[in-house]
């Protein structure tokens, strides 16, 4: 029997959202050098869920696309000490995800597929 994961959505704001089950989740952390954009997740047509959490002391700019498509402050700003962004069934994005910061910092993430 395959191992299955149940993910409770980080920002689930509705009790009517269908619970989604996953076979595989990848947990990771990405270290950034100040002012150097880098890829966090590859394009993945099987992605069903992803969450990005900034546990550092500095803003991180999340870029939906290649690192060349964004700069510090021009993208999705994840505030320090827990700022987050979630990809789920209501905003499913399966493309490349990159990020950049004006400071050395770390970004935690989880990506789940069926």
N, C-alpha and C. Protein backbone atom coordinates (compact mmCIF):
# COMPACT_ATOMS: atom_id res chain seq x y z
N UNK A 1 0.85 -1.18 0.00
CA UNK A 1 0.00 0.00 0.00
C UNK A 1 0.89 1.24 0.00
N UNK A 2 0.65 2.21 -0.93
CA UNK A 2 1.51 3.39 -0.99
C UNK A 2 1.30 4.30 0.21
N UNK A 3 2.35 4.94 0.61
CA UNK A 3 2.31 5.93 1.70
C UNK A 3 1.58 7.16 1.19
N UNK A 4 0.66 7.72 1.98
CA UNK A 4 -0.10 8.90 1.57
C UNK A 4 0.03 9.98 2.64
N UNK A 5 0.03 11.21 2.19
CA UNK A 5 0.13 12.36 3.09
C UNK A 5 -1.16 13.15 3.04
N UNK A 6 -1.55 13.71 4.14
CA UNK A 6 -2.67 14.64 4.20
C UNK A 6 -2.09 15.98 4.63
N UNK A 7 -2.33 17.00 3.83
CA UNK A 7 -1.79 18.32 4.13
C UNK A 7 -2.93 19.23 4.56
N UNK A 8 -2.79 19.85 5.69
CA UNK A 8 -3.73 20.87 6.15
C UNK A 8 -3.24 22.18 5.55
N UNK A 9 -4.08 22.82 4.77
CA UNK A 9 -3.68 24.04 4.08
C UNK A 9 -3.33 25.13 5.09
N UNK A 10 -2.20 25.76 4.88
CA UNK A 10 -1.70 26.78 5.80
C UNK A 10 -2.67 27.94 5.94
N UNK A 11 -3.19 28.42 4.83
CA UNK A 11 -4.06 29.59 4.84
C UNK A 11 -5.50 29.24 4.47
N UNK A 12 -5.93 28.05 4.82
CA UNK A 12 -7.27 27.60 4.48
C UNK A 12 -8.30 28.50 5.15
N UNK A 13 -9.04 29.24 4.33
CA UNK A 13 -9.99 30.21 4.88
C UNK A 13 -11.44 29.76 4.74
N UNK A 14 -11.68 28.55 4.27
CA UNK A 14 -13.04 28.10 4.05
C UNK A 14 -13.22 26.68 4.55
N UNK A 15 -14.35 26.44 5.16
CA UNK A 15 -14.66 25.08 5.61
C UNK A 15 -15.20 24.22 4.48
N UNK A 16 -15.47 24.82 3.31
CA UNK A 16 -16.04 24.08 2.19
C UNK A 16 -14.98 23.58 1.21
N UNK A 17 -13.71 23.85 1.47
CA UNK A 17 -12.64 23.41 0.59
C UNK A 17 -12.48 21.90 0.73
N UNK A 18 -12.43 21.21 -0.41
CA UNK A 18 -12.26 19.76 -0.40
C UNK A 18 -10.86 19.41 0.09
N UNK A 19 -10.77 18.41 0.94
CA UNK A 19 -9.48 17.96 1.45
C UNK A 19 -8.77 17.20 0.33
N UNK A 20 -7.53 17.58 0.07
CA UNK A 20 -6.75 16.96 -0.99
C UNK A 20 -5.69 16.08 -0.35
N UNK A 21 -5.51 14.90 -0.91
CA UNK A 21 -4.52 13.95 -0.40
C UNK A 21 -3.38 13.83 -1.39
N UNK A 22 -2.19 13.61 -0.86
CA UNK A 22 -0.99 13.54 -1.69
C UNK A 22 -0.22 12.25 -1.41
N UNK A 23 0.44 11.76 -2.43
CA UNK A 23 1.31 10.59 -2.27
C UNK A 23 2.72 10.99 -1.88
N UNK A 24 3.11 12.20 -2.24
CA UNK A 24 4.51 12.56 -2.08
C UNK A 24 4.65 14.05 -1.81
N UNK A 25 5.34 14.39 -0.74
CA UNK A 25 5.65 15.79 -0.43
C UNK A 25 7.16 15.93 -0.22
N UNK A 26 7.70 16.99 -0.77
CA UNK A 26 9.12 17.31 -0.62
C UNK A 26 9.24 18.50 0.31
N UNK A 27 10.05 18.36 1.33
CA UNK A 27 10.28 19.44 2.30
C UNK A 27 11.70 19.95 2.08
N UNK A 28 11.87 21.25 2.04
CA UNK A 28 13.20 21.76 1.78
C UNK A 28 13.43 23.14 2.35
N UNK A 29 14.65 23.56 2.19
CA UNK A 29 15.07 24.89 2.64
C UNK A 29 16.05 25.41 1.59
N UNK A 30 15.92 26.67 1.23
CA UNK A 30 16.79 27.28 0.24
C UNK A 30 17.51 28.45 0.89
N UNK A 31 18.82 28.49 0.74
CA UNK A 31 19.64 29.58 1.27
C UNK A 31 19.92 30.58 0.16
N UNK A 32 19.72 31.86 0.45
CA UNK A 32 19.94 32.91 -0.53
C UNK A 32 21.10 33.81 -0.13
N UNK A 33 21.90 34.18 -1.11
CA UNK A 33 22.94 35.18 -0.96
C UNK A 33 22.33 36.52 -1.36
N UNK A 34 22.63 37.57 -0.61
CA UNK A 34 21.97 38.85 -0.86
C UNK A 34 22.06 39.27 -2.32
N UNK A 35 20.92 39.73 -2.83
CA UNK A 35 20.76 40.26 -4.19
C UNK A 35 21.03 39.25 -5.31
N UNK A 36 21.00 37.96 -4.99
CA UNK A 36 21.20 36.92 -6.01
C UNK A 36 19.95 36.05 -6.07
N UNK A 37 19.21 36.17 -7.16
CA UNK A 37 18.02 35.34 -7.34
C UNK A 37 18.40 33.90 -7.59
N UNK A 38 17.53 32.98 -7.17
CA UNK A 38 17.79 31.56 -7.37
C UNK A 38 16.47 30.81 -7.47
N UNK A 39 16.51 29.67 -8.12
CA UNK A 39 15.33 28.83 -8.28
C UNK A 39 15.04 28.09 -6.97
N UNK A 40 13.76 28.04 -6.60
CA UNK A 40 13.31 27.29 -5.43
C UNK A 40 12.69 25.97 -5.86
N UNK A 41 11.79 26.02 -6.84
CA UNK A 41 11.15 24.81 -7.37
C UNK A 41 11.19 24.82 -8.88
N UNK A 42 11.44 23.66 -9.47
CA UNK A 42 11.33 23.49 -10.92
C UNK A 42 9.88 23.50 -11.34
N UNK A 43 9.64 23.72 -12.62
CA UNK A 43 8.30 23.54 -13.17
C UNK A 43 7.88 22.10 -12.89
N UNK A 44 6.62 21.91 -12.50
CA UNK A 44 6.15 20.57 -12.15
C UNK A 44 4.65 20.47 -12.45
N UNK A 45 4.32 19.81 -13.56
CA UNK A 45 2.91 19.69 -13.96
C UNK A 45 2.11 18.81 -13.01
N UNK A 46 2.77 18.08 -12.13
CA UNK A 46 2.09 17.24 -11.13
C UNK A 46 1.87 17.94 -9.80
N UNK A 47 2.34 19.18 -9.68
CA UNK A 47 2.20 19.92 -8.41
C UNK A 47 0.71 20.09 -8.09
N UNK A 48 0.37 19.80 -6.84
CA UNK A 48 -0.99 20.00 -6.35
C UNK A 48 -1.03 21.03 -5.22
N UNK A 49 0.12 21.24 -4.58
CA UNK A 49 0.18 22.13 -3.43
C UNK A 49 1.63 22.52 -3.19
N UNK A 50 1.84 23.74 -2.75
CA UNK A 50 3.16 24.19 -2.30
C UNK A 50 2.96 25.33 -1.31
N UNK A 51 3.87 25.42 -0.36
CA UNK A 51 3.85 26.53 0.58
C UNK A 51 5.29 26.98 0.81
N UNK A 52 5.46 28.29 0.95
CA UNK A 52 6.76 28.91 1.15
C UNK A 52 6.67 29.74 2.42
N UNK A 53 7.60 29.55 3.36
CA UNK A 53 7.56 30.26 4.64
C UNK A 53 8.90 30.93 4.88
N UNK A 54 8.85 32.22 5.17
CA UNK A 54 10.05 32.99 5.45
C UNK A 54 10.27 33.03 6.96
N UNK A 55 11.21 32.24 7.43
CA UNK A 55 11.54 32.22 8.86
C UNK A 55 12.78 33.04 9.17
N UNK A 56 13.22 33.82 8.19
CA UNK A 56 14.42 34.64 8.39
C UNK A 56 14.04 35.99 9.02
N UNK A 57 15.01 36.87 9.08
CA UNK A 57 14.81 38.21 9.66
C UNK A 57 14.59 39.27 8.59
N UNK A 58 14.54 38.88 7.30
CA UNK A 58 14.49 39.83 6.19
C UNK A 58 13.40 39.46 5.19
N UNK A 59 12.91 40.46 4.46
CA UNK A 59 11.96 40.20 3.38
C UNK A 59 12.58 39.29 2.33
N UNK A 60 11.75 38.42 1.76
CA UNK A 60 12.13 37.60 0.61
C UNK A 60 11.09 37.85 -0.47
N UNK A 61 11.53 38.07 -1.70
CA UNK A 61 10.62 38.27 -2.82
C UNK A 61 10.49 36.95 -3.58
N UNK A 62 9.28 36.42 -3.63
CA UNK A 62 8.98 35.19 -4.35
C UNK A 62 8.61 35.56 -5.78
N UNK A 63 9.13 34.82 -6.74
CA UNK A 63 8.92 35.10 -8.16
C UNK A 63 8.27 33.88 -8.80
N UNK A 64 7.08 34.06 -9.36
CA UNK A 64 6.44 32.97 -10.09
C UNK A 64 7.00 32.99 -11.50
N UNK A 65 8.06 32.22 -11.69
CA UNK A 65 8.77 32.19 -12.96
C UNK A 65 10.26 32.11 -12.73
N UNK A 66 11.00 32.34 -13.80
CA UNK A 66 12.45 32.30 -13.74
C UNK A 66 13.00 33.44 -12.90
N UNK A 67 14.14 33.22 -12.28
CA UNK A 67 14.75 34.24 -11.42
C UNK A 67 15.00 35.55 -12.16
N UNK A 68 15.15 35.50 -13.47
CA UNK A 68 15.40 36.71 -14.25
C UNK A 68 14.14 37.58 -14.40
N UNK A 69 12.97 37.06 -14.01
CA UNK A 69 11.70 37.78 -14.18
C UNK A 69 11.35 38.68 -13.00
N UNK A 70 12.16 38.69 -11.96
CA UNK A 70 11.84 39.50 -10.80
C UNK A 70 13.09 40.08 -10.16
N UNK A 71 12.87 41.07 -9.32
CA UNK A 71 13.95 41.69 -8.56
C UNK A 71 13.47 41.88 -7.13
N UNK A 72 14.35 42.29 -6.27
CA UNK A 72 14.00 42.53 -4.88
C UNK A 72 12.83 43.52 -4.83
N UNK A 73 11.76 43.12 -4.14
CA UNK A 73 10.60 43.99 -3.98
C UNK A 73 9.61 43.96 -5.11
N UNK A 74 9.89 43.24 -6.19
CA UNK A 74 8.97 43.18 -7.34
C UNK A 74 8.56 41.73 -7.55
N UNK A 75 7.57 41.32 -6.82
CA UNK A 75 7.06 39.95 -6.84
C UNK A 75 6.16 39.80 -5.63
N UNK A 76 6.11 38.62 -5.09
CA UNK A 76 5.31 38.36 -3.89
C UNK A 76 6.22 38.51 -2.69
N UNK A 77 5.98 39.51 -1.87
CA UNK A 77 6.85 39.80 -0.73
C UNK A 77 6.45 38.92 0.45
N UNK A 78 7.41 38.12 0.92
CA UNK A 78 7.21 37.32 2.13
C UNK A 78 7.90 38.06 3.27
N UNK A 79 7.12 38.52 4.20
CA UNK A 79 7.66 39.26 5.34
C UNK A 79 8.42 38.33 6.27
N UNK A 80 9.36 38.86 7.05
CA UNK A 80 10.16 38.02 7.96
C UNK A 80 9.33 37.39 9.06
N UNK A 81 9.93 36.38 9.68
CA UNK A 81 9.36 35.71 10.85
C UNK A 81 7.98 35.09 10.59
N UNK A 82 7.87 34.38 9.46
CA UNK A 82 6.64 33.63 9.22
C UNK A 82 5.78 34.05 8.05
N UNK A 83 6.19 35.06 7.31
CA UNK A 83 5.43 35.42 6.11
C UNK A 83 5.36 34.23 5.17
N UNK A 84 4.21 34.01 4.54
CA UNK A 84 4.06 32.80 3.74
C UNK A 84 3.25 33.05 2.48
N UNK A 85 3.39 32.13 1.54
CA UNK A 85 2.59 32.11 0.32
C UNK A 85 2.27 30.65 0.01
N UNK A 86 1.02 30.42 -0.38
CA UNK A 86 0.55 29.07 -0.61
C UNK A 86 0.03 28.93 -2.04
N UNK A 87 0.42 27.86 -2.69
CA UNK A 87 -0.15 27.46 -3.98
C UNK A 87 -1.06 26.27 -3.68
N UNK A 88 -2.34 26.40 -4.04
CA UNK A 88 -3.28 25.31 -3.78
C UNK A 88 -4.23 25.17 -4.96
N UNK A 89 -5.31 24.45 -4.79
CA UNK A 89 -6.23 24.17 -5.88
C UNK A 89 -6.97 25.42 -6.38
N UNK A 90 -7.03 26.48 -5.59
CA UNK A 90 -7.71 27.69 -6.04
C UNK A 90 -6.79 28.64 -6.79
N UNK A 91 -5.49 28.45 -6.71
CA UNK A 91 -4.52 29.28 -7.43
C UNK A 91 -3.37 28.42 -7.96
N UNK A 92 -3.69 27.25 -8.48
CA UNK A 92 -2.68 26.26 -8.87
C UNK A 92 -1.74 26.82 -9.93
N UNK A 93 -0.47 26.88 -9.59
CA UNK A 93 0.60 27.33 -10.47
C UNK A 93 1.61 26.20 -10.53
N UNK A 94 1.92 25.72 -11.75
CA UNK A 94 2.81 24.57 -11.89
C UNK A 94 4.16 24.95 -12.50
N UNK A 95 4.39 26.24 -12.72
CA UNK A 95 5.64 26.69 -13.31
C UNK A 95 6.77 26.79 -12.31
N UNK A 96 7.89 27.26 -12.79
CA UNK A 96 9.08 27.46 -11.97
C UNK A 96 8.82 28.53 -10.92
N UNK A 97 9.37 28.34 -9.71
CA UNK A 97 9.26 29.32 -8.63
C UNK A 97 10.68 29.70 -8.22
N UNK A 98 10.95 30.99 -8.18
CA UNK A 98 12.26 31.51 -7.80
C UNK A 98 12.09 32.52 -6.66
N UNK A 99 13.20 33.00 -6.14
CA UNK A 99 13.13 34.01 -5.08
C UNK A 99 14.44 34.80 -5.04
N UNK A 100 14.37 35.95 -4.35
CA UNK A 100 15.53 36.79 -4.16
C UNK A 100 15.34 37.60 -2.87
N UNK A 101 16.43 38.01 -2.26
CA UNK A 101 16.38 38.85 -1.07
C UNK A 101 17.54 39.84 -1.09
N UNK A 102 17.36 40.97 -0.44
CA UNK A 102 18.42 41.97 -0.32
C UNK A 102 19.42 41.59 0.77
N UNK A 103 19.17 40.46 1.45
CA UNK A 103 20.05 40.01 2.55
C UNK A 103 20.27 38.51 2.46
N UNK A 104 21.30 38.02 3.09
CA UNK A 104 21.49 36.58 3.21
C UNK A 104 20.37 36.03 4.10
N UNK A 105 19.70 34.98 3.64
CA UNK A 105 18.59 34.44 4.41
C UNK A 105 18.21 33.05 3.91
N UNK A 106 17.19 32.45 4.54
CA UNK A 106 16.71 31.11 4.18
C UNK A 106 15.20 31.11 4.04
N UNK A 107 14.73 30.29 3.10
CA UNK A 107 13.31 30.11 2.83
C UNK A 107 12.98 28.63 2.98
N UNK A 108 11.95 28.31 3.75
CA UNK A 108 11.49 26.93 3.90
C UNK A 108 10.34 26.71 2.93
N UNK A 109 10.21 25.47 2.42
CA UNK A 109 9.13 25.19 1.49
C UNK A 109 8.71 23.72 1.55
N UNK A 110 7.50 23.48 1.08
CA UNK A 110 6.97 22.13 0.90
C UNK A 110 6.26 22.12 -0.44
N UNK A 111 6.50 21.06 -1.22
CA UNK A 111 5.80 20.87 -2.48
C UNK A 111 5.20 19.47 -2.48
N UNK A 112 3.91 19.36 -2.84
CA UNK A 112 3.23 18.07 -2.84
C UNK A 112 2.66 17.76 -4.22
N UNK A 113 2.75 16.48 -4.58
CA UNK A 113 2.22 15.98 -5.86
C UNK A 113 1.34 14.78 -5.58
N UNK A 114 0.51 14.43 -6.57
CA UNK A 114 -0.35 13.25 -6.39
C UNK A 114 0.45 11.99 -6.42
